[in-house]
Amino acid sequence: MTLEILFGGARLHLDPSGALYWPDQQLLVVADLHFEKGSSFAASAHRMLPPHDTTQTLADITRVIGTYGPRRVICLGDSFHDRAASARLDLGDLARLQQLTGNLDWVWITGNHDPVLPDIVGGISATAISISDLTFRHDLADGGDPAPDQGPQNIVFGHFHPVALVSLAGRLLRRRCFLLGAGRLLLPAFGAYAGGLNILHPAIIEQFPAGFRVLLSERGRLYPINARHLRPDTDFSMSHRFPDR
């Protein structure tokens, strides 16, 4: 079940999958796909993961595209886990990706993991894109501070993979979430293996000097979370490896 918010004068739909849909623009936005993270880890003798995350992430984004029927898709950077990720794509996954990018107006925002996007995957790349009063980029700081005559910016960004550890009814849940602040909207990572950073971490807190609202994804719905329920990561919580979804 989606949640409608008003951000920068635009009515946006937040999807529990981590995607954002802007009906007036027929625009779907996702962040931090991290294609081929599994194969990157599998190449290390000490970090073995089943290298099937790209297949799952593609299935997830295909399903969301089918739900909303967008005309344009923007991926907010770190779509590929490293510069060689496209070369490790399974041929079936590559064909599915090329079909998606060929059928839609597809924009890859560059990120710190993928500063250069390979031509083989289709679409176009950009460091940022602005539509109406909203700016889409990978990291809040990527574009620098706006000039005084530009006025306030409304920025949709990724990069931080926000997750909330919450204490509810005597149990702990660690789930992906959206963070909504003054002129700032942080999307959760969409990738199957993307993982997450606790939203109480200073690196995230400093992105929202005026504070933020937490919208947590759980069982196909988004829930506003009161700050009193938030918990920092602890050795206990991390050792139990609460899933981010």
Protein backbone atom coordinates (compact mmCIF):
# COMPACT_ATOMS: atom_id res chain seq x y z
CA MET A 1 0.00 0.00 0.00
CA THR A 2 1.51 3.31 -1.08
CA LEU A 3 1.68 6.46 0.98
CA GLU A 4 1.08 9.86 -0.64
CA ILE A 5 3.18 12.80 0.51
CA LEU A 6 3.56 16.42 -0.57
CA PHE A 7 7.18 17.33 -1.23
CA GLY A 8 8.38 20.48 -2.96
CA GLY A 9 4.87 21.11 -4.19
CA ALA A 10 4.69 17.68 -5.83
CA ARG A 11 2.37 14.87 -4.83
CA LEU A 12 4.49 11.76 -4.62
CA HIS A 13 3.62 8.15 -3.92
CA LEU A 14 6.07 6.23 -1.73
CA ASP A 15 6.00 2.48 -2.32
CA PRO A 16 6.91 -0.08 0.38
CA SER A 17 9.43 -1.58 -2.07
CA GLY A 18 11.52 1.57 -1.67
CA ALA A 19 10.46 3.14 -4.96
CA LEU A 20 8.97 6.60 -5.46
CA TYR A 21 6.33 7.37 -8.08
CA TRP A 22 5.38 10.86 -9.26
CA PRO A 23 2.06 10.52 -11.09
CA ASP A 24 2.04 13.97 -12.70
CA GLN A 25 5.38 13.21 -14.36
CA GLN A 26 4.79 9.48 -14.89
CA LEU A 27 8.15 9.08 -13.16
CA LEU A 28 9.46 6.16 -11.12
CA VAL A 29 12.56 6.64 -8.96
CA VAL A 30 14.70 4.01 -7.22
CA ALA A 31 18.04 4.24 -5.42
CA ASP A 32 21.09 2.07 -4.92
CA LEU A 33 20.36 -1.06 -6.95
CA HIS A 34 23.93 -2.36 -6.53
CA PHE A 35 23.72 -4.82 -9.40
CA GLU A 36 26.30 -7.63 -9.11
CA LYS A 37 27.16 -7.05 -5.48
CA GLY A 38 26.77 -10.78 -4.98
CA SER A 39 29.30 -11.66 -7.69
CA SER A 40 31.68 -9.06 -6.28
CA PHE A 41 31.50 -10.68 -2.86
CA ALA A 42 31.73 -14.17 -4.36
CA ALA A 43 35.09 -13.18 -5.84
CA SER A 44 36.39 -12.77 -2.29
CA ALA A 45 37.41 -15.91 -0.43
CA HIS A 46 36.05 -14.45 2.79
CA ARG A 47 32.68 -13.02 1.71
CA MET A 48 30.58 -15.63 -0.04
CA LEU A 49 27.02 -14.76 -1.07
CA PRO A 50 24.83 -16.50 -3.66
CA PRO A 51 25.41 -14.29 -6.73
CA HIS A 52 21.74 -14.00 -7.69
CA ASP A 53 20.96 -10.53 -6.38
CA THR A 54 20.80 -8.90 -9.82
CA THR A 55 18.13 -11.35 -10.96
CA GLN A 56 16.06 -10.61 -7.84
CA THR A 57 16.52 -6.84 -8.08
CA LEU A 58 15.51 -6.87 -11.74
CA ALA A 59 12.41 -8.89 -10.87
CA ASP A 60 11.55 -6.39 -8.13
CA ILE A 61 11.92 -3.32 -10.32
CA THR A 62 10.05 -5.00 -13.18
CA ARG A 63 7.16 -5.67 -10.81
CA VAL A 64 7.07 -2.03 -9.64
CA ILE A 65 7.21 -0.79 -13.23
CA GLY A 66 4.28 -3.07 -14.01
CA THR A 67 2.34 -1.61 -11.08
CA TYR A 68 2.78 2.06 -11.99
CA GLY A 69 3.38 2.04 -15.75
CA PRO A 70 5.88 4.95 -15.73
CA ARG A 71 7.11 6.77 -18.81
CA ARG A 72 10.48 7.56 -17.23
CA VAL A 73 12.71 5.84 -14.66
CA ILE A 74 15.49 7.53 -12.69
CA CYS A 75 18.02 5.41 -10.79
CA LEU A 76 19.74 7.49 -8.11
CA GLY A 77 23.29 6.20 -8.42
CA ASP A 78 25.21 3.11 -7.27
CA SER A 79 23.09 1.11 -9.67
CA PHE A 80 26.15 -1.07 -10.30
CA HIS A 81 28.27 -2.25 -7.40
CA ASP A 82 31.58 -1.51 -9.14
CA ARG A 83 32.99 -0.43 -12.48
CA ALA A 84 33.30 -4.03 -13.73
CA ALA A 85 29.80 -5.09 -12.65
CA SER A 86 28.26 -4.82 -16.12
CA ALA A 87 30.87 -7.25 -17.46
CA ARG A 88 29.75 -9.83 -14.87
CA LEU A 89 26.04 -9.61 -15.74
CA ASP A 90 24.42 -12.88 -16.65
CA LEU A 91 23.35 -12.73 -20.30
CA GLY A 92 19.73 -13.25 -19.32
CA ASP A 93 19.90 -10.43 -16.77
CA LEU A 94 21.58 -8.17 -19.31
CA ALA A 95 18.85 -8.87 -21.86
CA ARG A 96 16.14 -8.11 -19.29
CA LEU A 97 17.86 -4.87 -18.33
CA GLN A 98 18.30 -3.81 -21.96
CA GLN A 99 14.61 -4.47 -22.57
CA LEU A 100 13.65 -2.22 -19.66
CA THR A 101 15.96 0.61 -20.67
CA GLY A 102 14.90 0.29 -24.30
CA ASN A 103 11.19 0.57 -23.53
CA LEU A 104 11.38 3.53 -21.14
CA ASP A 105 13.05 6.92 -20.83
CA TRP A 106 15.76 5.62 -18.49
CA VAL A 107 18.21 7.86 -16.62
CA TRP A 108 21.16 6.55 -14.62
CA ILE A 109 22.40 9.07 -12.05
CA THR A 110 26.09 8.43 -11.44
CA GLY A 111 27.19 7.41 -7.95
CA ASN A 112 30.38 6.79 -6.04
CA HIS A 113 30.30 3.10 -7.01
CA ASP A 114 29.50 3.76 -10.67
CA PRO A 115 30.89 7.15 -11.76
CA VAL A 116 30.89 5.92 -15.37
CA LEU A 117 27.96 3.96 -16.78
CA PRO A 118 28.59 1.40 -19.56
CA ASP A 119 26.83 1.96 -22.90
CA ILE A 120 25.88 -1.72 -23.04
CA VAL A 121 23.09 -1.30 -20.47
CA GLY A 122 21.18 1.37 -22.41
CA GLY A 123 19.63 4.57 -21.12
CA ILE A 124 21.48 7.82 -20.50
CA SER A 125 23.59 8.97 -17.56
CA ALA A 126 23.71 12.26 -15.67
CA THR A 127 25.18 13.59 -12.45
CA ALA A 128 21.79 15.03 -11.46
CA ILE A 129 18.46 15.90 -13.01
CA SER A 130 15.92 18.58 -12.07
CA ILE A 131 12.22 18.39 -12.86
CA SER A 132 9.96 21.24 -11.80
CA ASP A 133 11.04 22.08 -8.23
CA LEU A 134 12.66 18.72 -7.47
CA THR A 135 16.28 17.71 -7.98
CA PHE A 136 17.34 14.07 -8.15
CA ARG A 137 20.91 13.06 -7.37
CA HIS A 138 22.89 10.35 -5.64
CA ASP A 139 24.21 12.14 -2.58
CA LEU A 140 22.88 15.28 -0.98
CA ALA A 141 26.32 16.89 -1.27
CA ASP A 142 26.98 15.87 -4.89
CA GLY A 143 25.80 19.17 -6.35
CA GLY A 144 27.31 21.37 -3.68
CA ASP A 145 25.37 24.10 -1.93
CA PRO A 146 22.88 26.03 -4.08
CA ALA A 147 23.66 29.59 -5.02
CA PRO A 148 21.77 32.18 -2.92
CA ASP A 149 19.70 33.32 -5.90
CA GLN A 150 18.49 29.76 -6.53
CA GLY A 151 16.42 29.67 -3.39
CA PRO A 152 15.74 26.46 -1.46
CA GLN A 153 16.18 23.12 -3.18
CA ASN A 154 14.01 20.04 -2.79
CA ILE A 155 16.38 17.14 -3.20
CA VAL A 156 15.56 13.45 -3.61
CA PHE A 157 18.64 11.34 -2.97
CA GLY A 158 19.98 7.92 -1.99
CA HIS A 159 23.51 6.77 -1.09
CA PHE A 160 22.95 6.15 2.64
CA HIS A 161 20.75 3.00 2.51
CA PRO A 162 18.62 4.10 5.50
CA VAL A 163 17.23 1.46 7.84
CA ALA A 164 15.47 1.90 11.17
CA LEU A 165 15.87 -0.41 14.14
CA VAL A 166 12.64 -0.07 16.09
CA SER A 167 11.33 -1.50 19.32
CA LEU A 168 7.63 -2.28 19.05
CA ALA A 169 5.51 -4.45 21.30
CA GLY A 170 8.54 -6.04 22.87
CA ARG A 171 10.30 -7.02 19.65
CA LEU A 172 13.00 -5.47 17.51
CA LEU A 173 12.56 -4.88 13.80
CA ARG A 174 15.25 -3.63 11.43
CA ARG A 175 13.66 -2.42 8.20
CA ARG A 176 14.32 -0.14 5.27
CA CYS A 177 12.71 3.26 5.45
CA PHE A 178 12.17 6.63 3.80
CA LEU A 179 13.31 9.78 5.59
CA LEU A 180 11.42 12.99 4.92
CA GLY A 181 12.79 16.35 6.07
CA ALA A 182 12.71 20.00 5.08
CA GLY A 183 13.61 20.02 1.39
CA ARG A 184 15.15 16.55 1.64
CA LEU A 185 13.78 13.10 0.84
CA LEU A 186 16.06 10.10 1.33
CA LEU A 187 15.09 6.85 -0.40
CA PRO A 188 16.01 3.41 0.92
CA ALA A 189 18.29 1.19 -1.12
CA PHE A 190 16.29 -0.89 -3.60
CA GLY A 191 18.89 -3.60 -4.31
CA ALA A 192 18.38 -7.10 -2.92
CA TYR A 193 21.83 -7.16 -1.28
CA ALA A 194 22.19 -3.45 -0.60
CA GLY A 195 22.01 -3.65 3.20
CA GLY A 196 21.52 -0.54 5.29
CA LEU A 197 22.82 2.08 7.68
CA ASN A 198 20.96 2.84 10.90
CA ILE A 199 19.22 6.22 10.60
CA LEU A 200 20.59 7.24 14.01
CA HIS A 201 24.12 7.12 12.61
CA PRO A 202 25.70 10.60 12.57
CA ALA A 203 26.30 10.36 8.80
CA ILE A 204 22.53 10.32 8.27
CA ILE A 205 21.54 12.61 11.12
CA GLU A 206 23.73 15.42 9.75
CA GLN A 207 21.86 15.32 6.43
CA PHE A 208 18.72 16.50 8.25
CA PRO A 209 19.59 19.43 10.53
CA ALA A 210 15.89 20.26 10.96
CA GLY A 211 14.97 16.65 11.76
CA PHE A 212 13.07 14.05 9.76
CA ARG A 213 10.00 11.85 9.63
CA VAL A 214 10.53 8.09 9.45
CA LEU A 215 8.35 6.00 7.14
CA LEU A 216 9.19 2.35 7.70
CA SER A 217 8.46 -0.46 5.26
CA GLU A 218 6.97 -3.59 6.79
CA ARG A 219 4.88 -6.31 5.16
CA GLY A 220 3.88 -4.28 2.14
CA ARG A 221 2.92 -1.11 4.01
CA LEU A 222 4.60 2.08 5.18
CA TYR A 223 4.31 3.13 8.81
CA PRO A 224 5.25 6.45 10.44
CA ILE A 225 7.57 5.72 13.38
CA ASN A 226 7.77 7.86 16.49
CA ALA A 227 11.33 8.75 17.48
CA ARG A 228 10.90 7.11 20.89
CA HIS A 229 10.75 3.71 19.20
CA LEU A 230 14.07 4.13 17.36
CA ARG A 231 17.14 2.25 18.58
CA PRO A 232 20.81 2.48 17.58
CA ASP A 233 22.50 -0.63 16.29
CA THR A 234 24.06 -2.65 19.09
CA ASP A 235 26.23 -5.73 19.20
CA PHE A 236 23.09 -7.68 20.11
CA SER A 237 20.96 -6.37 17.28
CA MET A 238 23.67 -6.80 14.68
CA SER A 239 24.60 -10.31 15.88
CA HIS A 240 20.97 -11.38 15.37
CA ARG A 241 21.07 -9.98 11.83
CA PHE A 242 17.57 -8.60 11.67
CA PRO A 243 16.61 -8.40 7.98
CA ASP A 244 16.31 -4.98 6.36
CA ARG A 245 13.04 -5.92 4.62
